[in-house]
Amino acid sequence: MKPLSARELLARNLRRLREERGLSIDDLARLTGIAARRIGAIEATAADAHLDEVGLIALGLGVRIAALFATE
């Protein structure tokens, strides 16, 4: 099985962590200042996240950046 790309890992972990916290995309958008449409695109692997966005998402979710790229 081919390993997931960084984009795919971010999308998978972002969705999982967001849902574990009971947050909607709109909730996370309010917490991060990132547009909900942009967060949705990142979750759908339709857009690459900028490094600053990754940091804001991690803060909004209350996790370290590394958690967004974890393989397990």
PDB file of N, CA and C in Angstrom:
ATOM      1  N   MET A   1       0.829  -1.181   0.000  1.00  0.00           N
ATOM      2  CA  MET A   1       0.000   0.000   0.000  1.00  0.00           C
ATOM      3  C   MET A   1       0.873   1.244   0.000  1.00  0.00           C
ATOM      4  N   LYS A   2       0.548   2.170  -0.863  1.00  0.00           N
ATOM      5  CA  LYS A   2       1.315   3.417  -0.988  1.00  0.00           C
ATOM      6  C   LYS A   2       1.075   4.313   0.231  1.00  0.00           C
ATOM      7  N   PRO A   3       2.152   4.877   0.795  1.00  0.00           N
ATOM      8  CA  PRO A   3       1.962   5.774   1.933  1.00  0.00           C
ATOM      9  C   PRO A   3       1.188   7.035   1.517  1.00  0.00           C
ATOM     10  N   LEU A   4       0.459   7.589   2.463  1.00  0.00           N
ATOM     11  CA  LEU A   4      -0.299   8.805   2.185  1.00  0.00           C
ATOM     12  C   LEU A   4       0.644   9.991   2.022  1.00  0.00           C
ATOM     13  N   SER A   5       0.269  10.913   1.167  1.00  0.00           N
ATOM     14  CA  SER A   5       1.035  12.145   1.006  1.00  0.00           C
ATOM     15  C   SER A   5       0.787  13.040   2.207  1.00  0.00           C
ATOM     16  N   ALA A   6       1.603  14.064   2.366  1.00  0.00           N
ATOM     17  CA  ALA A   6       1.410  15.022   3.454  1.00  0.00           C
ATOM     18  C   ALA A   6       0.031  15.667   3.348  1.00  0.00           C
ATOM     19  N   ARG A   7      -0.414  15.976   2.153  1.00  0.00           N
ATOM     20  CA  ARG A   7      -1.741  16.568   1.935  1.00  0.00           C
ATOM     21  C   ARG A   7      -2.839  15.623   2.417  1.00  0.00           C
ATOM     22  N   GLU A   8      -2.693  14.333   2.101  1.00  0.00           N
ATOM     23  CA  GLU A   8      -3.687  13.343   2.512  1.00  0.00           C
ATOM     24  C   GLU A   8      -3.681  13.117   4.023  1.00  0.00           C
ATOM     25  N   LEU A   9      -2.487  13.082   4.610  1.00  0.00           N
ATOM     26  CA  LEU A   9      -2.388  12.937   6.059  1.00  0.00           C
ATOM     27  C   LEU A   9      -3.051  14.109   6.766  1.00  0.00           C
ATOM     28  N   LEU A  10      -2.752  15.311   6.309  1.00  0.00           N
ATOM     29  CA  LEU A  10      -3.346  16.499   6.906  1.00  0.00           C
ATOM     30  C   LEU A  10      -4.863  16.449   6.806  1.00  0.00           C
ATOM     31  N   ALA A  11      -5.375  16.121   5.643  1.00  0.00           N
ATOM     32  CA  ALA A  11      -6.826  16.066   5.446  1.00  0.00           C
ATOM     33  C   ALA A  11      -7.468  15.049   6.382  1.00  0.00           C
ATOM     34  N   ARG A  12      -6.903  13.856   6.449  1.00  0.00           N
ATOM     35  CA  ARG A  12      -7.465  12.793   7.282  1.00  0.00           C
ATOM     36  C   ARG A  12      -7.435  13.174   8.753  1.00  0.00           C
ATOM     37  N   ASN A  13      -6.288  13.663   9.211  1.00  0.00           N
ATOM     38  CA  ASN A  13      -6.149  13.996  10.624  1.00  0.00           C
ATOM     39  C   ASN A  13      -6.947  15.233  11.003  1.00  0.00           C
ATOM     40  N   LEU A  14      -7.008  16.200  10.125  1.00  0.00           N
ATOM     41  CA  LEU A  14      -7.803  17.397  10.377  1.00  0.00           C
ATOM     42  C   LEU A  14      -9.263  17.019  10.597  1.00  0.00           C
ATOM     43  N   ARG A  15      -9.806  16.229   9.712  1.00  0.00           N
ATOM     44  CA  ARG A  15     -11.208  15.815   9.839  1.00  0.00           C
ATOM     45  C   ARG A  15     -11.429  15.007  11.115  1.00  0.00           C
ATOM     46  N   ARG A  16     -10.544  14.051  11.369  1.00  0.00           N
ATOM     47  CA  ARG A  16     -10.688  13.201  12.561  1.00  0.00           C
ATOM     48  C   ARG A  16     -10.629  14.029  13.837  1.00  0.00           C
ATOM     49  N   LEU A  17      -9.632  14.890  13.950  1.00  0.00           N
ATOM     50  CA  LEU A  17      -9.478  15.701  15.157  1.00  0.00           C
ATOM     51  C   LEU A  17     -10.633  16.688  15.321  1.00  0.00           C
ATOM     52  N   ARG A  18     -11.073  17.264  14.237  1.00  0.00           N
ATOM     53  CA  ARG A  18     -12.195  18.208  14.287  1.00  0.00           C
ATOM     54  C   ARG A  18     -13.455  17.492  14.762  1.00  0.00           C
ATOM     55  N   GLU A  19     -13.718  16.328  14.186  1.00  0.00           N
ATOM     56  CA  GLU A  19     -14.920  15.577  14.559  1.00  0.00           C
ATOM     57  C   GLU A  19     -14.839  15.045  15.992  1.00  0.00           C
ATOM     58  N   GLU A  20     -13.655  14.625  16.429  1.00  0.00           N
ATOM     59  CA  GLU A  20     -13.482  14.156  17.811  1.00  0.00           C
ATOM     60  C   GLU A  20     -13.831  15.261  18.811  1.00  0.00           C
ATOM     61  N   ARG A  21     -13.611  16.502  18.413  1.00  0.00           N
ATOM     62  CA  ARG A  21     -13.893  17.636  19.290  1.00  0.00           C
ATOM     63  C   ARG A  21     -15.317  18.163  19.120  1.00  0.00           C
ATOM     64  N   GLY A  22     -16.059  17.527  18.237  1.00  0.00           N
ATOM     65  CA  GLY A  22     -17.440  17.930  18.014  1.00  0.00           C
ATOM     66  C   GLY A  22     -17.564  19.280  17.326  1.00  0.00           C
ATOM     67  N   LEU A  23     -16.556  19.627  16.520  1.00  0.00           N
ATOM     68  CA  LEU A  23     -16.549  20.912  15.835  1.00  0.00           C
ATOM     69  C   LEU A  23     -17.000  20.756  14.386  1.00  0.00           C
ATOM     70  N   SER A  24     -17.798  21.689  13.931  1.00  0.00           N
ATOM     71  CA  SER A  24     -18.120  21.757  12.510  1.00  0.00           C
ATOM     72  C   SER A  24     -16.999  22.529  11.813  1.00  0.00           C
ATOM     73  N   ILE A  25     -17.019  22.511  10.507  1.00  0.00           N
ATOM     74  CA  ILE A  25     -16.050  23.307   9.758  1.00  0.00           C
ATOM     75  C   ILE A  25     -16.239  24.792  10.093  1.00  0.00           C
ATOM     76  N   ASP A  26     -17.485  25.227  10.233  1.00  0.00           N
ATOM     77  CA  ASP A  26     -17.748  26.625  10.597  1.00  0.00           C
ATOM     78  C   ASP A  26     -17.196  26.961  11.980  1.00  0.00           C
ATOM     79  N   ASP A  27     -17.318  26.025  12.926  1.00  0.00           N
ATOM     80  CA  ASP A  27     -16.758  26.236  14.265  1.00  0.00           C
ATOM     81  C   ASP A  27     -15.251  26.431  14.180  1.00  0.00           C
ATOM     82  N   LEU A  28     -14.591  25.554  13.431  1.00  0.00           N
ATOM     83  CA  LEU A  28     -13.141  25.642  13.309  1.00  0.00           C
ATOM     84  C   LEU A  28     -12.742  26.923  12.588  1.00  0.00           C
ATOM     85  N   ALA A  29     -13.527  27.332  11.626  1.00  0.00           N
ATOM     86  CA  ALA A  29     -13.251  28.585  10.924  1.00  0.00           C
ATOM     87  C   ALA A  29     -13.271  29.756  11.902  1.00  0.00           C
ATOM     88  N   ARG A  30     -14.248  29.767  12.796  1.00  0.00           N
ATOM     89  CA  ARG A  30     -14.323  30.848  13.791  1.00  0.00           C
ATOM     90  C   ARG A  30     -13.126  30.813  14.740  1.00  0.00           C
ATOM     91  N   LEU A  31     -12.690  29.619  15.110  1.00  0.00           N
ATOM     92  CA  LEU A  31     -11.558  29.490  16.031  1.00  0.00           C
ATOM     93  C   LEU A  31     -10.231  29.883  15.400  1.00  0.00           C
ATOM     94  N   THR A  32     -10.110  29.688  14.096  1.00  0.00           N
ATOM     95  CA  THR A  32      -8.822  29.892  13.427  1.00  0.00           C
ATOM     96  C   THR A  32      -8.731  31.176  12.615  1.00  0.00           C
ATOM     97  N   GLY A  33      -9.880  31.725  12.220  1.00  0.00           N
ATOM     98  CA  GLY A  33      -9.858  32.872  11.324  1.00  0.00           C
ATOM     99  C   GLY A  33      -9.651  32.486   9.870  1.00  0.00           C
ATOM    100  N   ILE A  34      -9.687  31.191   9.587  1.00  0.00           N
ATOM    101  CA  ILE A  34      -9.555  30.683   8.217  1.00  0.00           C
ATOM    102  C   ILE A  34     -10.969  30.456   7.687  1.00  0.00           C
ATOM    103  N   ALA A  35     -11.214  30.851   6.463  1.00  0.00           N
ATOM    104  CA  ALA A  35     -12.552  30.696   5.882  1.00  0.00           C
ATOM    105  C   ALA A  35     -12.979  29.227   5.885  1.00  0.00           C
ATOM    106  N   ALA A  36     -14.253  28.997   6.186  1.00  0.00           N
ATOM    107  CA  ALA A  36     -14.787  27.644   6.215  1.00  0.00           C
ATOM    108  C   ALA A  36     -14.588  26.952   4.866  1.00  0.00           C
ATOM    109  N   ARG A  37     -14.769  27.667   3.792  1.00  0.00           N
ATOM    110  CA  ARG A  37     -14.587  27.084   2.459  1.00  0.00           C
ATOM    111  C   ARG A  37     -13.151  26.586   2.276  1.00  0.00           C
ATOM    112  N   ARG A  38     -12.205  27.343   2.812  1.00  0.00           N
ATOM    113  CA  ARG A  38     -10.786  26.962   2.703  1.00  0.00           C
ATOM    114  C   ARG A  38     -10.521  25.704   3.535  1.00  0.00           C
ATOM    115  N   ILE A  39     -11.041  25.655   4.759  1.00  0.00           N
ATOM    116  CA  ILE A  39     -10.853  24.465   5.602  1.00  0.00           C
ATOM    117  C   ILE A  39     -11.471  23.252   4.923  1.00  0.00           C
ATOM    118  N   GLY A  40     -12.649  23.422   4.360  1.00  0.00           N
ATOM    119  CA  GLY A  40     -13.291  22.321   3.642  1.00  0.00           C
ATOM    120  C   GLY A  40     -12.448  21.833   2.473  1.00  0.00           C
ATOM    121  N   ALA A  41     -11.834  22.759   1.766  1.00  0.00           N
ATOM    122  CA  ALA A  41     -10.980  22.383   0.634  1.00  0.00           C
ATOM    123  C   ALA A  41      -9.743  21.630   1.104  1.00  0.00           C
ATOM    124  N   ILE A  42      -9.179  22.042   2.228  1.00  0.00           N
ATOM    125  CA  ILE A  42      -8.013  21.344   2.784  1.00  0.00           C
ATOM    126  C   ILE A  42      -8.409  19.934   3.200  1.00  0.00           C
ATOM    127  N   GLU A  43      -9.557  19.799   3.862  1.00  0.00           N
ATOM    128  CA  GLU A  43     -10.043  18.467   4.265  1.00  0.00           C
ATOM    129  C   GLU A  43     -10.322  17.570   3.068  1.00  0.00           C
ATOM    130  N   ALA A  44     -10.725  18.158   1.968  1.00  0.00           N
ATOM    131  CA  ALA A  44     -11.060  17.384   0.763  1.00  0.00           C
ATOM    132  C   ALA A  44      -9.840  17.160  -0.132  1.00  0.00           C
ATOM    133  N   THR A  45      -8.686  17.571   0.311  1.00  0.00           N
ATOM    134  CA  THR A  45      -7.429  17.525  -0.454  1.00  0.00           C
ATOM    135  C   THR A  45      -7.521  18.293  -1.769  1.00  0.00           C
ATOM    136  N   ALA A  46      -8.426  19.249  -1.821  1.00  0.00           N
ATOM    137  CA  ALA A  46      -8.575  20.066  -3.025  1.00  0.00           C
ATOM    138  C   ALA A  46      -7.677  21.297  -2.990  1.00  0.00           C
ATOM    139  N   ALA A  47      -7.038  21.532  -1.839  1.00  0.00           N
ATOM    140  CA  ALA A  47      -6.141  22.687  -1.703  1.00  0.00           C
ATOM    141  C   ALA A  47      -5.016  22.318  -0.755  1.00  0.00           C
ATOM    142  N   ASP A  48      -3.841  22.867  -1.025  1.00  0.00           N
ATOM    143  CA  ASP A  48      -2.711  22.731  -0.106  1.00  0.00           C
ATOM    144  C   ASP A  48      -2.856  23.779   0.978  1.00  0.00           C
ATOM    145  N   ALA A  49      -2.528  23.410   2.206  1.00  0.00           N
ATOM    146  CA  ALA A  49      -2.555  24.361   3.314  1.00  0.00           C
ATOM    147  C   ALA A  49      -1.214  25.083   3.381  1.00  0.00           C
ATOM    148  N   HIS A  50      -1.269  26.367   3.627  1.00  0.00           N
ATOM    149  CA  HIS A  50      -0.048  27.142   3.862  1.00  0.00           C
ATOM    150  C   HIS A  50       0.439  26.834   5.273  1.00  0.00           C
ATOM    151  N   LEU A  51       1.711  26.970   5.502  1.00  0.00           N
ATOM    152  CA  LEU A  51       2.282  26.649   6.798  1.00  0.00           C
ATOM    153  C   LEU A  51       1.613  27.438   7.918  1.00  0.00           C
ATOM    154  N   ASP A  52       1.354  28.714   7.695  1.00  0.00           N
ATOM    155  CA  ASP A  52       0.686  29.520   8.722  1.00  0.00           C
ATOM    156  C   ASP A  52      -0.717  28.977   9.014  1.00  0.00           C
ATOM    157  N   GLU A  53      -1.402  28.487   8.003  1.00  0.00           N
ATOM    158  CA  GLU A  53      -2.725  27.902   8.208  1.00  0.00           C
ATOM    159  C   GLU A  53      -2.634  26.629   9.043  1.00  0.00           C
ATOM    160  N   VAL A  54      -1.621  25.825   8.791  1.00  0.00           N
ATOM    161  CA  VAL A  54      -1.437  24.600   9.572  1.00  0.00           C
ATOM    162  C   VAL A  54      -1.255  24.961  11.040  1.00  0.00           C
ATOM    163  N   GLY A  55      -0.476  25.994  11.309  1.00  0.00           N
ATOM    164  CA  GLY A  55      -0.285  26.439  12.684  1.00  0.00           C
ATOM    165  C   GLY A  55      -1.570  26.909  13.319  1.00  0.00           C
ATOM    166  N   LEU A  56      -2.360  27.678  12.589  1.00  0.00           N
ATOM    167  CA  LEU A  56      -3.639  28.160  13.115  1.00  0.00           C
ATOM    168  C   LEU A  56      -4.617  27.011  13.363  1.00  0.00           C
ATOM    169  N   ILE A  57      -4.626  26.043  12.468  1.00  0.00           N
ATOM    170  CA  ILE A  57      -5.502  24.883  12.626  1.00  0.00           C
ATOM    171  C   ILE A  57      -5.096  24.089  13.870  1.00  0.00           C
ATOM    172  N   ALA A  58      -3.798  23.884  14.059  1.00  0.00           N
ATOM    173  CA  ALA A  58      -3.327  23.163  15.241  1.00  0.00           C
ATOM    174  C   ALA A  58      -3.745  23.894  16.516  1.00  0.00           C
ATOM    175  N   LEU A  59      -3.578  25.205  16.541  1.00  0.00           N
ATOM    176  CA  LEU A  59      -3.999  25.985  17.705  1.00  0.00           C
ATOM    177  C   LEU A  59      -5.501  25.857  17.937  1.00  0.00           C
ATOM    178  N   GLY A  60      -6.267  25.969  16.877  1.00  0.00           N
ATOM    179  CA  GLY A  60      -7.715  25.875  16.988  1.00  0.00           C
ATOM    180  C   GLY A  60      -8.184  24.531  17.507  1.00  0.00           C
ATOM    181  N   LEU A  61      -7.458  23.490  17.150  1.00  0.00           N
ATOM    182  CA  LEU A  61      -7.810  22.138  17.597  1.00  0.00           C
ATOM    183  C   LEU A  61      -7.172  21.778  18.934  1.00  0.00           C
ATOM    184  N   GLY A  62      -6.223  22.612  19.375  1.00  0.00           N
ATOM    185  CA  GLY A  62      -5.537  22.340  20.634  1.00  0.00           C
ATOM    186  C   GLY A  62      -4.559  21.189  20.559  1.00  0.00           C
ATOM    187  N   VAL A  63      -3.888  21.065  19.414  1.00  0.00           N
ATOM    188  CA  VAL A  63      -2.910  19.989  19.226  1.00  0.00           C
ATOM    189  C   VAL A  63      -1.597  20.566  18.706  1.00  0.00           C
ATOM    190  N   ARG A  64      -0.571  19.768  18.769  1.00  0.00           N
ATOM    191  CA  ARG A  64       0.702  20.147  18.148  1.00  0.00           C
ATOM    192  C   ARG A  64       0.589  19.947  16.638  1.00  0.00           C
ATOM    193  N   ILE A  65       1.360  20.695  15.909  1.00  0.00           N
ATOM    194  CA  ILE A  65       1.349  20.569  14.445  1.00  0.00           C
ATOM    195  C   ILE A  65       1.603  19.131  14.026  1.00  0.00           C
ATOM    196  N   ALA A  66       2.482  18.445  14.722  1.00  0.00           N
ATOM    197  CA  ALA A  66       2.827  17.057  14.372  1.00  0.00           C
ATOM    198  C   ALA A  66       1.600  16.161  14.367  1.00  0.00           C
ATOM    199  N   ALA A  67       0.616  16.438  15.204  1.00  0.00           N
ATOM    200  CA  ALA A  67      -0.593  15.614  15.261  1.00  0.00           C
ATOM    201  C   ALA A  67      -1.360  15.659  13.957  1.00  0.00           C
ATOM    202  N   LEU A  68      -1.219  16.756  13.233  1.00  0.00           N
ATOM    203  CA  LEU A  68      -1.918  16.892  11.954  1.00  0.00           C
ATOM    204  C   LEU A  68      -1.285  16.051  10.848  1.00  0.00           C
ATOM    205  N   PHE A  69      -0.072  15.558  11.096  1.00  0.00           N
ATOM    206  CA  PHE A  69       0.637  14.752  10.100  1.00  0.00           C
ATOM    207  C   PHE A  69       0.958  13.347  10.616  1.00  0.00           C
ATOM    208  N   ALA A  70       0.340  12.962  11.736  1.00  0.00           N
ATOM    209  CA  ALA A  70       0.603  11.644  12.331  1.00  0.00           C
ATOM    210  C   ALA A  70       0.131  10.542  11.398  1.00  0.00           C
ATOM    211  N   THR A  71       0.865   9.454  11.382  1.00  0.00           N
ATOM    212  CA  THR A  71       0.509   8.332  10.522  1.00  0.00           C
ATOM    213  C   THR A  71      -0.334   7.297  11.249  1.00  0.00           C
ATOM    214  N   GLU A  72      -0.493   7.426  12.535  1.00  0.00           N
ATOM    215  CA  GLU A  72      -1.326   6.478  13.302  1.00  0.00           C
ATOM    216  C   GLU A  72      -2.398   7.222  14.062  1.00  0.00           C
TER     217      GLU A  72
END
